[in-house]
PDB file of N, CA and C in Angstrom:
ATOM      1  N   UNK A   1     -42.027   4.787   4.160  1.00  0.00           N
ATOM      2  CA  UNK A   1     -41.997   3.503   4.844  1.00  0.00           C
ATOM      3  C   UNK A   1     -41.446   3.678   6.275  1.00  0.00           C
ATOM      4  N   UNK A   2     -40.353   4.438   6.422  1.00  0.00           N
ATOM      5  CA  UNK A   2     -39.756   4.649   7.742  1.00  0.00           C
ATOM      6  C   UNK A   2     -40.728   5.342   8.683  1.00  0.00           C
ATOM      7  N   UNK A   3     -41.470   6.318   8.170  1.00  0.00           N
ATOM      8  CA  UNK A   3     -42.457   7.026   8.981  1.00  0.00           C
ATOM      9  C   UNK A   3     -43.557   6.067   9.431  1.00  0.00           C
ATOM     10  N   UNK A   4     -43.981   5.205   8.568  1.00  0.00           N
ATOM     11  CA  UNK A   4     -45.019   4.223   8.894  1.00  0.00           C
ATOM     12  C   UNK A   4     -44.536   3.299  10.021  1.00  0.00           C
ATOM     13  N   UNK A   5     -43.287   2.836   9.942  1.00  0.00           N
ATOM     14  CA  UNK A   5     -42.740   1.943  10.957  1.00  0.00           C
ATOM     15  C   UNK A   5     -42.649   2.664  12.307  1.00  0.00           C
ATOM     16  N   UNK A   6     -42.169   3.912  12.321  1.00  0.00           N
ATOM     17  CA  UNK A   6     -42.088   4.685  13.560  1.00  0.00           C
ATOM     18  C   UNK A   6     -43.463   4.871  14.193  1.00  0.00           C
ATOM     19  N   UNK A   7     -44.439   5.220  13.387  1.00  0.00           N
ATOM     20  CA  UNK A   7     -45.798   5.405  13.916  1.00  0.00           C
ATOM     21  C   UNK A   7     -46.372   4.099  14.446  1.00  0.00           C
ATOM     22  N   UNK A   8     -46.101   2.989  13.763  1.00  0.00           N
ATOM     23  CA  UNK A   8     -46.598   1.692  14.198  1.00  0.00           C
ATOM     24  C   UNK A   8     -45.989   1.295  15.544  1.00  0.00           C
ATOM     25  N   UNK A   9     -44.675   1.500  15.685  1.00  0.00           N
ATOM     26  CA  UNK A   9     -43.984   1.145  16.926  1.00  0.00           C
ATOM     27  C   UNK A   9     -44.471   2.019  18.080  1.00  0.00           C
ATOM     28  N   UNK A  10     -44.691   3.327  17.836  1.00  0.00           N
ATOM     29  CA  UNK A  10     -45.197   4.212  18.885  1.00  0.00           C
ATOM     30  C   UNK A  10     -46.572   3.769  19.371  1.00  0.00           C
ATOM     31  N   UNK A  11     -47.383   3.216  18.500  1.00  0.00           N
ATOM     32  CA  UNK A  11     -48.738   2.803  18.865  1.00  0.00           C
ATOM     33  C   UNK A  11     -48.837   1.358  19.323  1.00  0.00           C
ATOM     34  N   UNK A  12     -47.750   0.604  19.279  1.00  0.00           N
ATOM     35  CA  UNK A  12     -47.765  -0.814  19.644  1.00  0.00           C
ATOM     36  C   UNK A  12     -47.621  -0.961  21.165  1.00  0.00           C
ATOM     37  N   UNK A  13     -48.624  -1.534  21.811  1.00  0.00           N
ATOM     38  CA  UNK A  13     -48.624  -1.705  23.269  1.00  0.00           C
ATOM     39  C   UNK A  13     -47.498  -2.648  23.711  1.00  0.00           C
ATOM     40  N   UNK A  14     -47.278  -3.728  23.003  1.00  0.00           N
ATOM     41  CA  UNK A  14     -46.232  -4.703  23.345  1.00  0.00           C
ATOM     42  C   UNK A  14     -44.850  -4.056  23.224  1.00  0.00           C
ATOM     43  N   UNK A  15     -44.634  -3.275  22.163  1.00  0.00           N
ATOM     44  CA  UNK A  15     -43.337  -2.608  21.983  1.00  0.00           C
ATOM     45  C   UNK A  15     -43.080  -1.616  23.123  1.00  0.00           C
ATOM     46  N   UNK A  16     -44.119  -0.883  23.530  1.00  0.00           N
ATOM     47  CA  UNK A  16     -43.966   0.104  24.594  1.00  0.00           C
ATOM     48  C   UNK A  16     -43.631  -0.562  25.927  1.00  0.00           C
ATOM     49  N   UNK A  17     -44.196  -1.746  26.183  1.00  0.00           N
ATOM     50  CA  UNK A  17     -43.931  -2.453  27.439  1.00  0.00           C
ATOM     51  C   UNK A  17     -42.510  -2.992  27.510  1.00  0.00           C
ATOM     52  N   UNK A  18     -41.949  -3.411  26.394  1.00  0.00           N
ATOM     53  CA  UNK A  18     -40.652  -4.075  26.391  1.00  0.00           C
ATOM     54  C   UNK A  18     -39.513  -3.190  25.901  1.00  0.00           C
ATOM     55  N   UNK A  19     -39.802  -1.929  25.633  1.00  0.00           N
ATOM     56  CA  UNK A  19     -38.757  -1.023  25.159  1.00  0.00           C
ATOM     57  C   UNK A  19     -37.769  -0.742  26.287  1.00  0.00           C
ATOM     58  N   UNK A  20     -36.484  -0.760  25.943  1.00  0.00           N
ATOM     59  CA  UNK A  20     -35.421  -0.489  26.898  1.00  0.00           C
ATOM     60  C   UNK A  20     -35.245   1.022  27.030  1.00  0.00           C
ATOM     61  N   UNK A  21     -35.243   1.532  28.273  1.00  0.00           N
ATOM     62  CA  UNK A  21     -35.032   2.958  28.520  1.00  0.00           C
ATOM     63  C   UNK A  21     -33.578   3.191  28.898  1.00  0.00           C
ATOM     64  N   UNK A  22     -33.047   4.325  28.502  1.00  0.00           N
ATOM     65  CA  UNK A  22     -31.656   4.667  28.760  1.00  0.00           C
ATOM     66  C   UNK A  22     -31.478   5.491  30.034  1.00  0.00           C
ATOM     67  N   UNK A  23     -32.462   5.507  30.916  1.00  0.00           N
ATOM     68  CA  UNK A  23     -32.353   6.264  32.150  1.00  0.00           C
ATOM     69  C   UNK A  23     -32.923   5.456  33.303  1.00  0.00           C
ATOM     70  N   UNK A  24     -32.481   5.814  34.499  1.00  0.00           N
ATOM     71  CA  UNK A  24     -32.988   5.141  35.684  1.00  0.00           C
ATOM     72  C   UNK A  24     -34.385   5.646  35.998  1.00  0.00           C
ATOM     73  N   UNK A  25     -35.193   4.797  36.574  1.00  0.00           N
ATOM     74  CA  UNK A  25     -36.511   5.251  36.988  1.00  0.00           C
ATOM     75  C   UNK A  25     -36.347   6.208  38.164  1.00  0.00           C
ATOM     76  N   UNK A  26     -37.189   7.191  38.214  1.00  0.00           N
ATOM     77  CA  UNK A  26     -37.098   8.202  39.257  1.00  0.00           C
ATOM     78  C   UNK A  26     -37.586   7.637  40.583  1.00  0.00           C
ATOM     79  N   UNK A  27     -36.942   8.053  41.654  1.00  0.00           N
ATOM     80  CA  UNK A  27     -37.353   7.619  42.983  1.00  0.00           C
ATOM     81  C   UNK A  27     -38.562   8.398  43.466  1.00  0.00           C
ATOM     82  N   UNK A  28     -39.142   7.937  44.546  1.00  0.00           N
ATOM     83  CA  UNK A  28     -40.279   8.619  45.120  1.00  0.00           C
ATOM     84  C   UNK A  28     -39.817   9.871  45.856  1.00  0.00           C
ATOM     85  N   UNK A  29     -40.611  10.922  45.777  1.00  0.00           N
ATOM     86  CA  UNK A  29     -40.278  12.141  46.502  1.00  0.00           C
ATOM     87  C   UNK A  29     -40.578  11.936  47.978  1.00  0.00           C
ATOM     88  N   UNK A  30     -39.670  12.378  48.806  1.00  0.00           N
ATOM     89  CA  UNK A  30     -39.853  12.236  50.245  1.00  0.00           C
ATOM     90  C   UNK A  30     -39.645  13.595  50.896  1.00  0.00           C
ATOM     91  N   UNK A  31     -40.485  13.924  51.844  1.00  0.00           N
ATOM     92  CA  UNK A  31     -40.342  15.177  52.570  1.00  0.00           C
ATOM     93  C   UNK A  31     -39.144  15.095  53.506  1.00  0.00           C
ATOM     94  N   UNK A  32     -38.491  16.226  53.718  1.00  0.00           N
ATOM     95  CA  UNK A  32     -37.381  16.265  54.661  1.00  0.00           C
ATOM     96  C   UNK A  32     -37.926  16.133  56.075  1.00  0.00           C
ATOM     97  N   UNK A  33     -37.182  15.516  56.966  1.00  0.00           N
ATOM     98  CA  UNK A  33     -37.659  15.392  58.345  1.00  0.00           C
ATOM     99  C   UNK A  33     -37.718  16.757  59.031  1.00  0.00           C
ATOM    100  N   UNK A  34     -38.631  16.888  59.967  1.00  0.00           N
ATOM    101  CA  UNK A  34     -38.762  18.126  60.723  1.00  0.00           C
ATOM    102  C   UNK A  34     -37.781  18.105  61.884  1.00  0.00           C
ATOM    103  N   UNK A  35     -36.993  19.168  62.052  1.00  0.00           N
ATOM    104  CA  UNK A  35     -36.052  19.210  63.178  1.00  0.00           C
ATOM    105  C   UNK A  35     -36.798  19.208  64.514  1.00  0.00           C
ATOM    106  N   UNK A  36     -36.149  18.709  65.553  1.00  0.00           N
ATOM    107  CA  UNK A  36     -36.764  18.638  66.878  1.00  0.00           C
ATOM    108  C   UNK A  36     -36.713  19.965  67.621  1.00  0.00           C
ATOM    109  N   UNK A  37     -35.713  20.787  67.343  1.00  0.00           N
ATOM    110  CA  UNK A  37     -35.583  22.055  68.051  1.00  0.00           C
ATOM    111  C   UNK A  37     -35.010  23.110  67.116  1.00  0.00           C
ATOM    112  N   UNK A  38     -35.192  24.406  67.464  1.00  0.00           N
ATOM    113  CA  UNK A  38     -34.657  25.466  66.615  1.00  0.00           C
ATOM    114  C   UNK A  38     -33.132  25.396  66.499  1.00  0.00           C
ATOM    115  N   UNK A  39     -32.649  25.793  65.365  1.00  0.00           N
ATOM    116  CA  UNK A  39     -31.223  25.864  65.032  1.00  0.00           C
ATOM    117  C   UNK A  39     -30.522  24.510  65.103  1.00  0.00           C
ATOM    118  N   UNK A  40     -31.282  23.440  64.976  1.00  0.00           N
ATOM    119  CA  UNK A  40     -30.710  22.098  64.870  1.00  0.00           C
ATOM    120  C   UNK A  40     -30.341  21.808  63.422  1.00  0.00           C
ATOM    121  N   UNK A  41     -31.111  22.388  62.492  1.00  0.00           N
ATOM    122  CA  UNK A  41     -30.902  22.170  61.079  1.00  0.00           C
ATOM    123  C   UNK A  41     -30.916  23.541  60.395  1.00  0.00           C
ATOM    124  N   UNK A  42     -29.816  23.924  59.779  1.00  0.00           N
ATOM    125  CA  UNK A  42     -29.717  25.217  59.120  1.00  0.00           C
ATOM    126  C   UNK A  42     -29.346  25.046  57.658  1.00  0.00           C
ATOM    127  N   UNK A  43     -29.553  26.112  56.924  1.00  0.00           N
ATOM    128  CA  UNK A  43     -29.108  26.129  55.538  1.00  0.00           C
ATOM    129  C   UNK A  43     -28.603  27.519  55.221  1.00  0.00           C
ATOM    130  N   UNK A  44     -27.712  27.613  54.245  1.00  0.00           N
ATOM    131  CA  UNK A  44     -27.119  28.912  53.918  1.00  0.00           C
ATOM    132  C   UNK A  44     -27.033  29.111  52.417  1.00  0.00           C
ATOM    133  N   UNK A  45     -26.923  30.380  52.054  1.00  0.00           N
ATOM    134  CA  UNK A  45     -26.762  30.756  50.655  1.00  0.00           C
ATOM    135  C   UNK A  45     -25.925  32.021  50.602  1.00  0.00           C
ATOM    136  N   UNK A  46     -25.033  32.107  49.654  1.00  0.00           N
ATOM    137  CA  UNK A  46     -24.185  33.278  49.456  1.00  0.00           C
ATOM    138  C   UNK A  46     -24.700  33.995  48.221  1.00  0.00           C
ATOM    139  N   UNK A  47     -25.384  35.115  48.422  1.00  0.00           N
ATOM    140  CA  UNK A  47     -25.968  35.877  47.317  1.00  0.00           C
ATOM    141  C   UNK A  47     -24.960  36.953  46.920  1.00  0.00           C
ATOM    142  N   UNK A  48     -24.501  36.900  45.677  1.00  0.00           N
ATOM    143  CA  UNK A  48     -23.415  37.777  45.231  1.00  0.00           C
ATOM    144  C   UNK A  48     -23.864  38.707  44.119  1.00  0.00           C
ATOM    145  N   UNK A  49     -22.939  39.595  43.744  1.00  0.00           N
ATOM    146  CA  UNK A  49     -23.103  40.546  42.641  1.00  0.00           C
ATOM    147  C   UNK A  49     -24.310  41.465  42.854  1.00  0.00           C
ATOM    148  N   UNK A  50     -24.435  41.997  44.051  1.00  0.00           N
ATOM    149  CA  UNK A  50     -25.468  42.973  44.364  1.00  0.00           C
ATOM    150  C   UNK A  50     -24.873  44.372  44.209  1.00  0.00           C
ATOM    151  N   UNK A  51     -25.706  45.415  44.127  1.00  0.00           N
ATOM    152  CA  UNK A  51     -25.163  46.775  44.092  1.00  0.00           C
ATOM    153  C   UNK A  51     -24.378  47.059  45.372  1.00  0.00           C
ATOM    154  N   UNK A  52     -23.258  47.717  45.247  1.00  0.00           N
ATOM    155  CA  UNK A  52     -22.393  47.996  46.397  1.00  0.00           C
ATOM    156  C   UNK A  52     -23.068  48.961  47.360  1.00  0.00           C
ATOM    157  N   UNK A  53     -23.010  48.613  48.646  1.00  0.00           N
ATOM    158  CA  UNK A  53     -23.568  49.458  49.695  1.00  0.00           C
ATOM    159  C   UNK A  53     -22.682  49.324  50.928  1.00  0.00           C
ATOM    160  N   UNK A  54     -22.079  50.415  51.344  1.00  0.00           N
ATOM    161  CA  UNK A  54     -21.212  50.382  52.518  1.00  0.00           C
ATOM    162  C   UNK A  54     -19.996  49.497  52.338  1.00  0.00           C
ATOM    163  N   UNK A  55     -19.534  49.297  51.112  1.00  0.00           N
ATOM    164  CA  UNK A  55     -18.372  48.456  50.842  1.00  0.00           C
ATOM    165  C   UNK A  55     -18.702  46.986  50.666  1.00  0.00           C
ATOM    166  N   UNK A  56     -19.968  46.617  50.805  1.00  0.00           N
ATOM    167  CA  UNK A  56     -20.384  45.227  50.639  1.00  0.00           C
ATOM    168  C   UNK A  56     -21.163  45.068  49.338  1.00  0.00           C
ATOM    169  N   UNK A  57     -20.959  43.913  48.670  1.00  0.00           N
ATOM    170  CA  UNK A  57     -21.709  43.649  47.445  1.00  0.00           C
ATOM    171  C   UNK A  57     -22.311  42.242  47.437  1.00  0.00           C
ATOM    172  N   UNK A  58     -22.434  41.649  48.621  1.00  0.00           N
ATOM    173  CA  UNK A  58     -23.019  40.313  48.735  1.00  0.00           C
ATOM    174  C   UNK A  58     -23.666  40.160  50.112  1.00  0.00           C
ATOM    175  N   UNK A  59     -24.511  39.148  50.228  1.00  0.00           N
ATOM    176  CA  UNK A  59     -25.163  38.834  51.502  1.00  0.00           C
ATOM    177  C   UNK A  59     -25.015  37.338  51.739  1.00  0.00           C
ATOM    178  N   UNK A  60     -24.625  36.983  52.945  1.00  0.00           N
ATOM    179  CA  UNK A  60     -24.578  35.579  53.353  1.00  0.00           C
ATOM    180  C   UNK A  60     -25.815  35.339  54.217  1.00  0.00           C
ATOM    181  N   UNK A  61     -26.699  34.461  53.759  1.00  0.00           N
ATOM    182  CA  UNK A  61     -27.975  34.220  54.429  1.00  0.00           C
ATOM    183  C   UNK A  61     -27.941  32.847  55.099  1.00  0.00           C
ATOM    184  N   UNK A  62     -28.251  32.803  56.390  1.00  0.00           N
ATOM    185  CA  UNK A  62     -28.349  31.543  57.127  1.00  0.00           C
ATOM    186  C   UNK A  62     -29.776  31.455  57.675  1.00  0.00           C
ATOM    187  N   UNK A  63     -30.447  30.327  57.439  1.00  0.00           N
ATOM    188  CA  UNK A  63     -31.832  30.164  57.859  1.00  0.00           C
ATOM    189  C   UNK A  63     -32.006  28.903  58.696  1.00  0.00           C
ATOM    190  N   UNK A  64     -32.815  29.021  59.743  1.00  0.00           N
ATOM    191  CA  UNK A  64     -33.185  27.871  60.555  1.00  0.00           C
ATOM    192  C   UNK A  64     -34.321  27.136  59.850  1.00  0.00           C
ATOM    193  N   UNK A  65     -34.202  25.836  59.716  1.00  0.00           N
ATOM    194  CA  UNK A  65     -35.181  25.032  59.005  1.00  0.00           C
ATOM    195  C   UNK A  65     -36.518  24.964  59.744  1.00  0.00           C
ATOM    196  N   UNK A  66     -36.525  24.982  61.059  1.00  0.00           N
ATOM    197  CA  UNK A  66     -37.761  24.825  61.832  1.00  0.00           C
ATOM    198  C   UNK A  66     -38.537  26.132  61.941  1.00  0.00           C
ATOM    199  N   UNK A  67     -37.891  27.189  62.388  1.00  0.00           N
ATOM    200  CA  UNK A  67     -38.586  28.448  62.645  1.00  0.00           C
ATOM    201  C   UNK A  67     -38.545  29.408  61.466  1.00  0.00           C
ATOM    202  N   UNK A  68     -37.717  29.140  60.492  1.00  0.00           N
ATOM    203  CA  UNK A  68     -37.488  30.008  59.331  1.00  0.00           C
ATOM    204  C   UNK A  68     -36.864  31.340  59.729  1.00  0.00           C
ATOM    205  N   UNK A  69     -36.310  31.437  60.937  1.00  0.00           N
ATOM    206  CA  UNK A  69     -35.584  32.625  61.351  1.00  0.00           C
ATOM    207  C   UNK A  69     -34.306  32.723  60.523  1.00  0.00           C
ATOM    208  N   UNK A  70     -33.949  33.928  60.107  1.00  0.00           N
ATOM    209  CA  UNK A  70     -32.782  34.091  59.248  1.00  0.00           C
ATOM    210  C   UNK A  70     -31.820  35.127  59.799  1.00  0.00           C
ATOM    211  N   UNK A  71     -30.576  34.992  59.404  1.00  0.00           N
ATOM    212  CA  UNK A  71     -29.535  35.985  59.648  1.00  0.00           C
ATOM    213  C   UNK A  71     -29.045  36.425  58.281  1.00  0.00           C
ATOM    214  N   UNK A  72     -29.055  37.733  58.036  1.00  0.00           N
ATOM    215  CA  UNK A  72     -28.557  38.304  56.796  1.00  0.00           C
ATOM    216  C   UNK A  72     -27.256  39.031  57.129  1.00  0.00           C
ATOM    217  N   UNK A  73     -26.154  38.521  56.637  1.00  0.00           N
ATOM    218  CA  UNK A  73     -24.842  39.058  56.994  1.00  0.00           C
ATOM    219  C   UNK A  73     -24.207  39.685  55.755  1.00  0.00           C
ATOM    220  N   UNK A  74     -23.900  40.986  55.803  1.00  0.00           N
ATOM    221  CA  UNK A  74     -23.256  41.615  54.640  1.00  0.00           C
ATOM    222  C   UNK A  74     -21.822  41.104  54.477  1.00  0.00           C
ATOM    223  N   UNK A  75     -21.449  40.895  53.238  1.00  0.00           N
ATOM    224  CA  UNK A  75     -20.102  40.412  52.923  1.00  0.00           C
ATOM    225  C   UNK A  75     -19.743  40.855  51.507  1.00  0.00           C
ATOM    226  N   UNK A  76     -18.686  40.340  50.980  1.00  0.00           N
ATOM    227  CA  UNK A  76     -18.270  40.686  49.619  1.00  0.00           C
ATOM    228  C   UNK A  76     -18.328  39.455  48.726  1.00  0.00           C
ATOM    229  N   UNK A  77     -18.369  39.707  47.435  1.00  0.00           N
ATOM    230  CA  UNK A  77     -18.425  38.617  46.461  1.00  0.00           C
ATOM    231  C   UNK A  77     -17.157  37.773  46.513  1.00  0.00           C
ATOM    232  N   UNK A  78     -16.030  38.390  46.822  1.00  0.00           N
ATOM    233  CA  UNK A  78     -14.750  37.665  46.814  1.00  0.00           C
ATOM    234  C   UNK A  78     -14.470  36.950  48.139  1.00  0.00           C
ATOM    235  N   UNK A  79     -15.462  36.843  49.031  1.00  0.00           N
ATOM    236  CA  UNK A  79     -15.264  36.130  50.302  1.00  0.00           C
ATOM    237  C   UNK A  79     -14.981  34.657  50.033  1.00  0.00           C
ATOM    238  N   UNK A  80     -14.022  34.113  50.761  1.00  0.00           N
ATOM    239  CA  UNK A  80     -13.663  32.701  50.611  1.00  0.00           C
ATOM    240  C   UNK A  80     -14.522  31.846  51.540  1.00  0.00           C
ATOM    241  N   UNK A  81     -14.398  30.542  51.417  1.00  0.00           N
ATOM    242  CA  UNK A  81     -15.126  29.627  52.298  1.00  0.00           C
ATOM    243  C   UNK A  81     -14.715  29.859  53.752  1.00  0.00           C
ATOM    244  N   UNK A  82     -13.441  30.125  53.994  1.00  0.00           N
ATOM    245  CA  UNK A  82     -12.973  30.385  55.350  1.00  0.00           C
ATOM    246  C   UNK A  82     -13.600  31.658  55.925  1.00  0.00           C
ATOM    247  N   UNK A  83     -13.757  32.679  55.071  1.00  0.00           N
ATOM    248  CA  UNK A  83     -14.402  33.923  55.502  1.00  0.00           C
ATOM    249  C   UNK A  83     -15.849  33.672  55.913  1.00  0.00           C
ATOM    250  N   UNK A  84     -16.548  32.854  55.146  1.00  0.00           N
ATOM    251  CA  UNK A  84     -17.948  32.557  55.464  1.00  0.00           C
ATOM    252  C   UNK A  84     -18.070  31.728  56.741  1.00  0.00           C
ATOM    253  N   UNK A  85     -17.121  30.853  56.984  1.00  0.00           N
ATOM    254  CA  UNK A  85     -17.115  30.090  58.240  1.00  0.00           C
ATOM    255  C   UNK A  85     -16.934  31.044  59.412  1.00  0.00           C
ATOM    256  N   UNK A  86     -16.051  32.019  59.281  1.00  0.00           N
ATOM    257  CA  UNK A  86     -15.852  33.001  60.347  1.00  0.00           C
ATOM    258  C   UNK A  86     -17.117  33.835  60.578  1.00  0.00           C
ATOM    259  N   UNK A  87     -17.817  34.185  59.497  1.00  0.00           N
ATOM    260  CA  UNK A  87     -19.085  34.899  59.643  1.00  0.00           C
ATOM    261  C   UNK A  87     -20.109  34.040  60.374  1.00  0.00           C
ATOM    262  N   UNK A  88     -20.119  32.751  60.036  1.00  0.00           N
ATOM    263  CA  UNK A  88     -21.016  31.805  60.705  1.00  0.00           C
ATOM    264  C   UNK A  88     -20.720  31.761  62.206  1.00  0.00           C
ATOM    265  N   UNK A  89     -19.456  31.654  62.554  1.00  0.00           N
ATOM    266  CA  UNK A  89     -19.065  31.600  63.966  1.00  0.00           C
ATOM    267  C   UNK A  89     -19.467  32.871  64.706  1.00  0.00           C
ATOM    268  N   UNK A  90     -19.215  34.012  64.085  1.00  0.00           N
ATOM    269  CA  UNK A  90     -19.438  35.291  64.735  1.00  0.00           C
ATOM    270  C   UNK A  90     -20.919  35.655  64.861  1.00  0.00           C
ATOM    271  N   UNK A  91     -21.722  35.332  63.846  1.00  0.00           N
ATOM    272  CA  UNK A  91     -23.104  35.810  63.804  1.00  0.00           C
ATOM    273  C   UNK A  91     -24.169  34.756  64.098  1.00  0.00           C
ATOM    274  N   UNK A  92     -23.850  33.498  64.020  1.00  0.00           N
ATOM    275  CA  UNK A  92     -24.885  32.466  64.202  1.00  0.00           C
ATOM    276  C   UNK A  92     -24.534  31.522  65.339  1.00  0.00           C
ATOM    277  N   UNK A  93     -23.439  30.798  65.218  1.00  0.00           N
ATOM    278  CA  UNK A  93     -23.097  29.788  66.226  1.00  0.00           C
ATOM    279  C   UNK A  93     -22.876  30.406  67.594  1.00  0.00           C
ATOM    280  N   UNK A  94     -22.440  31.642  67.620  1.00  0.00           N
ATOM    281  CA  UNK A  94     -22.210  32.346  68.875  1.00  0.00           C
ATOM    282  C   UNK A  94     -23.519  32.505  69.657  1.00  0.00           C
ATOM    283  N   UNK A  95     -24.624  32.728  68.955  1.00  0.00           N
ATOM    284  CA  UNK A  95     -25.910  32.986  69.601  1.00  0.00           C
ATOM    285  C   UNK A  95     -26.791  31.752  69.734  1.00  0.00           C
ATOM    286  N   UNK A  96     -26.624  30.807  68.875  1.00  0.00           N
ATOM    287  CA  UNK A  96     -27.484  29.619  68.885  1.00  0.00           C
ATOM    288  C   UNK A  96     -26.659  28.420  69.342  1.00  0.00           C
ATOM    289  N   UNK A  97     -26.170  27.665  68.411  1.00  0.00           N
ATOM    290  CA  UNK A  97     -25.254  26.549  68.688  1.00  0.00           C
ATOM    291  C   UNK A  97     -24.844  25.955  67.338  1.00  0.00           C
ATOM    292  N   UNK A  98     -23.928  25.041  67.373  1.00  0.00           N
ATOM    293  CA  UNK A  98     -23.527  24.368  66.141  1.00  0.00           C
ATOM    294  C   UNK A  98     -24.679  23.455  65.726  1.00  0.00           C
ATOM    295  N   UNK A  99     -25.182  23.598  64.506  1.00  0.00           N
ATOM    296  CA  UNK A  99     -26.310  22.764  64.082  1.00  0.00           C
ATOM    297  C   UNK A  99     -25.893  21.316  63.872  1.00  0.00           C
ATOM    298  N   UNK A 100     -26.862  20.430  64.017  1.00  0.00           N
ATOM    299  CA  UNK A 100     -26.610  19.016  63.759  1.00  0.00           C
ATOM    300  C   UNK A 100     -26.484  18.773  62.259  1.00  0.00           C
ATOM    301  N   UNK A 101     -27.280  19.514  61.465  1.00  0.00           N
ATOM    302  CA  UNK A 101     -27.257  19.391  60.003  1.00  0.00           C
ATOM    303  C   UNK A 101     -27.170  20.794  59.420  1.00  0.00           C
ATOM    304  N   UNK A 102     -26.325  20.958  58.406  1.00  0.00           N
ATOM    305  CA  UNK A 102     -26.238  22.248  57.704  1.00  0.00           C
ATOM    306  C   UNK A 102     -26.230  21.986  56.210  1.00  0.00           C
ATOM    307  N   UNK A 103     -27.186  22.573  55.500  1.00  0.00           N
ATOM    308  CA  UNK A 103     -27.249  22.480  54.044  1.00  0.00           C
ATOM    309  C   UNK A 103     -26.755  23.787  53.464  1.00  0.00           C
ATOM    310  N   UNK A 104     -26.161  23.707  52.289  1.00  0.00           N
ATOM    311  CA  UNK A 104     -25.724  24.909  51.593  1.00  0.00           C
ATOM    312  C   UNK A 104     -26.118  24.790  50.133  1.00  0.00           C
ATOM    313  N   UNK A 105     -26.065  25.920  49.456  1.00  0.00           N
ATOM    314  CA  UNK A 105     -26.312  25.853  48.023  1.00  0.00           C
ATOM    315  C   UNK A 105     -25.128  25.154  47.359  1.00  0.00           C
ATOM    316  N   UNK A 106     -25.281  24.818  46.126  1.00  0.00           N
ATOM    317  CA  UNK A 106     -24.211  24.099  45.433  1.00  0.00           C
ATOM    318  C   UNK A 106     -23.289  25.053  44.684  1.00  0.00           C
ATOM    319  N   UNK A 107     -23.004  26.170  45.308  1.00  0.00           N
ATOM    320  CA  UNK A 107     -22.128  27.166  44.689  1.00  0.00           C
ATOM    321  C   UNK A 107     -20.706  26.673  44.597  1.00  0.00           C
ATOM    322  N   UNK A 108     -19.909  27.304  43.748  1.00  0.00           N
ATOM    323  CA  UNK A 108     -18.526  26.861  43.533  1.00  0.00           C
ATOM    324  C   UNK A 108     -17.603  27.184  44.701  1.00  0.00           C
ATOM    325  N   UNK A 109     -18.065  27.989  45.655  1.00  0.00           N
ATOM    326  CA  UNK A 109     -17.207  28.415  46.751  1.00  0.00           C
ATOM    327  C   UNK A 109     -16.778  27.260  47.649  1.00  0.00           C
ATOM    328  N   UNK A 110     -17.657  26.286  47.863  1.00  0.00           N
ATOM    329  CA  UNK A 110     -17.369  25.192  48.774  1.00  0.00           C
ATOM    330  C   UNK A 110     -16.960  23.901  48.075  1.00  0.00           C
ATOM    331  N   UNK A 111     -16.817  23.919  46.784  1.00  0.00           N
ATOM    332  CA  UNK A 111     -16.411  22.708  46.093  1.00  0.00           C
ATOM    333  C   UNK A 111     -14.922  22.482  46.270  1.00  0.00           C
ATOM    334  N   UNK A 112     -14.538  21.221  46.296  1.00  0.00           N
ATOM    335  CA  UNK A 112     -13.137  20.852  46.500  1.00  0.00           C
ATOM    336  C   UNK A 112     -12.649  20.143  45.257  1.00  0.00           C
ATOM    337  N   UNK A 113     -11.487  20.541  44.754  1.00  0.00           N
ATOM    338  CA  UNK A 113     -10.876  19.896  43.596  1.00  0.00           C
ATOM    339  C   UNK A 113      -9.863  18.884  44.110  1.00  0.00           C
ATOM    340  N   UNK A 114     -10.150  17.604  43.914  1.00  0.00           N
ATOM    341  CA  UNK A 114      -9.281  16.542  44.409  1.00  0.00           C
ATOM    342  C   UNK A 114      -8.211  16.118  43.422  1.00  0.00           C
ATOM    343  N   UNK A 115      -8.108  16.816  42.296  1.00  0.00           N
ATOM    344  CA  UNK A 115      -7.103  16.416  41.298  1.00  0.00           C
ATOM    345  C   UNK A 115      -5.759  17.018  41.588  1.00  0.00           C
TER     346      UNK A 115
END
């Protein structure tokens, strides 16, 4: 009997229209805006746990959103957020400029614990 009721409800057009969903409807996908000039919008990623080479076991990658030009900076897995900011200053901002927008991966390195 229970199986019959479940099958009936799944096939009922009125039930499907009025069924309450437990999730929000998804928004429309929107393309990111195109930057007006190079190095206006950058993004970075800290790639860790690589084979050791020359004392480094990680790479800090910074990419320009418009030109896709990248900087690959050797670093270590134990680099802190402050260390990566210094790498940014030394290898990117020094040659280009401070970007208007900077995206990063959602790694645990830049998260802040407010508790």
